[in-house]
């Protein structure tokens, strides 16, 4: 990952603009200034389609390391996969999306 490229993206990117990374489903997003806080970059985790484009309108935004640690703890809970399996059983069938990475990406 290039720190210079991220600094440039923070300076010149449009608010809410997303930058693809070399990790499928992971984007860097520029957040607009809010009240007294300046513009910031955040990581968005969002499933991708075969072209590497986000499939959801909004993904999971992670701004700080402690947020990442909290989400990691939640997702690694032993009950989480069991809940997903239950949802798979009760929800109507849904097709799985293929993943493929194309286009300009930020190498990590």
Protein backbone atom coordinates (compact mmCIF):
# COMPACT_ATOMS: atom_id res chain seq x y z
CA UNK A 1 0.00 0.00 0.00
CA UNK A 2 1.31 3.44 -0.85
CA UNK A 3 1.08 6.06 1.87
CA UNK A 4 1.75 8.78 -0.73
CA UNK A 5 -1.16 7.58 -2.85
CA UNK A 6 -3.46 7.59 0.17
CA UNK A 7 -2.36 11.11 1.13
CA UNK A 8 -3.03 12.27 -2.44
CA UNK A 9 -6.46 10.60 -2.40
CA UNK A 10 -7.27 12.35 0.89
CA UNK A 11 -6.27 15.73 -0.62
CA UNK A 12 -7.77 15.40 -4.10
CA UNK A 13 -10.53 12.77 -3.90
CA UNK A 14 -14.18 13.74 -3.90
CA UNK A 15 -16.28 13.24 -0.77
CA UNK A 16 -17.59 9.65 -0.59
CA UNK A 17 -15.32 8.58 -3.49
CA UNK A 18 -14.08 4.99 -3.30
CA UNK A 19 -10.66 3.66 -4.23
CA UNK A 20 -10.41 -0.04 -5.08
CA UNK A 21 -7.69 -2.03 -3.35
CA UNK A 22 -6.03 -5.31 -4.27
CA UNK A 23 -8.20 -7.02 -1.63
CA UNK A 24 -11.53 -7.99 -3.23
CA UNK A 25 -14.39 -6.33 -1.36
CA UNK A 26 -12.16 -3.79 0.42
CA UNK A 27 -12.20 -0.13 -0.61
CA UNK A 28 -10.72 3.08 0.76
CA UNK A 29 -13.42 5.74 0.99
CA UNK A 30 -13.00 9.47 1.54
CA UNK A 31 -15.33 10.76 4.22
CA UNK A 32 -16.36 14.43 4.08
CA UNK A 33 -15.54 16.89 6.85
CA UNK A 34 -18.07 16.85 9.66
CA UNK A 35 -18.49 19.73 12.09
CA UNK A 36 -14.96 20.38 13.39
CA UNK A 37 -13.48 17.11 12.05
CA UNK A 38 -11.51 17.26 8.79
CA UNK A 39 -11.95 14.88 5.85
CA UNK A 40 -10.77 11.36 6.65
CA UNK A 41 -10.17 8.07 4.92
CA UNK A 42 -11.94 4.91 6.03
CA UNK A 43 -12.01 1.31 4.93
CA UNK A 44 -15.25 0.04 3.43
CA UNK A 45 -15.87 -3.70 3.37
CA UNK A 46 -18.48 -4.50 0.73
CA UNK A 47 -19.13 -7.66 -1.31
CA UNK A 48 -18.14 -7.31 -4.97
CA UNK A 49 -19.52 -8.58 -8.27
CA UNK A 50 -17.53 -10.26 -11.05
CA UNK A 51 -16.12 -6.86 -12.12
CA UNK A 52 -14.92 -5.97 -8.62
CA UNK A 53 -17.65 -3.37 -8.10
CA UNK A 54 -19.54 -3.13 -4.79
CA UNK A 55 -22.82 -5.04 -4.73
CA UNK A 56 -24.34 -3.21 -1.78
CA UNK A 57 -25.18 0.46 -1.63
CA UNK A 58 -23.34 0.75 1.66
CA UNK A 59 -20.70 -1.52 3.11
CA UNK A 60 -19.22 -1.77 6.56
CA UNK A 61 -17.15 1.37 7.28
CA UNK A 62 -14.15 1.02 9.56
CA UNK A 63 -12.41 4.25 10.56
CA UNK A 64 -10.15 3.23 13.41
CA UNK A 65 -8.13 0.21 14.54
CA UNK A 66 -10.26 -0.21 17.66
CA UNK A 67 -13.40 -0.41 15.49
CA UNK A 68 -11.70 -3.14 13.43
CA UNK A 69 -10.81 -5.03 16.61
CA UNK A 70 -14.42 -4.82 17.82
CA UNK A 71 -15.85 -6.06 14.51
CA UNK A 72 -13.26 -8.84 14.37
CA UNK A 73 -14.28 -9.94 17.86
CA UNK A 74 -17.96 -9.97 16.88
CA UNK A 75 -17.39 -11.84 13.60
CA UNK A 76 -15.13 -14.40 15.30
CA UNK A 77 -17.70 -15.22 17.98
CA UNK A 78 -18.44 -18.96 17.82
CA UNK A 79 -22.19 -18.26 17.65
CA UNK A 80 -21.93 -16.01 14.59
CA UNK A 81 -21.57 -18.79 11.95
CA UNK A 82 -24.41 -20.69 13.61
CA UNK A 83 -26.65 -17.64 13.26
CA UNK A 84 -25.70 -17.33 9.58
CA UNK A 85 -26.56 -20.99 9.00
CA UNK A 86 -29.97 -20.43 10.60
CA UNK A 87 -30.55 -17.41 8.36
CA UNK A 88 -29.60 -19.48 5.30
CA UNK A 89 -32.21 -22.05 6.30
CA UNK A 90 -35.08 -19.64 6.89
CA UNK A 91 -34.42 -17.06 4.15
CA UNK A 92 -35.65 -17.60 0.60
CA UNK A 93 -32.93 -18.85 -1.78
CA UNK A 94 -30.50 -16.28 -3.10
CA UNK A 95 -27.87 -16.65 -5.81
CA UNK A 96 -24.22 -16.42 -4.95
CA UNK A 97 -22.15 -13.72 -6.63
CA UNK A 98 -18.88 -14.48 -8.38
CA UNK A 99 -15.83 -12.42 -7.44
CA UNK A 100 -13.16 -11.19 -9.82
CA UNK A 101 -10.83 -8.20 -9.50
CA UNK A 102 -10.48 -5.87 -12.51
CA UNK A 103 -9.44 -2.28 -13.20
CA UNK A 104 -7.29 0.23 -11.34
CA UNK A 105 -6.59 -0.97 -7.82
CA UNK A 106 -4.46 0.09 -4.87
CA UNK A 107 -1.94 -2.71 -4.29
CA UNK A 108 -1.71 -3.70 -0.63
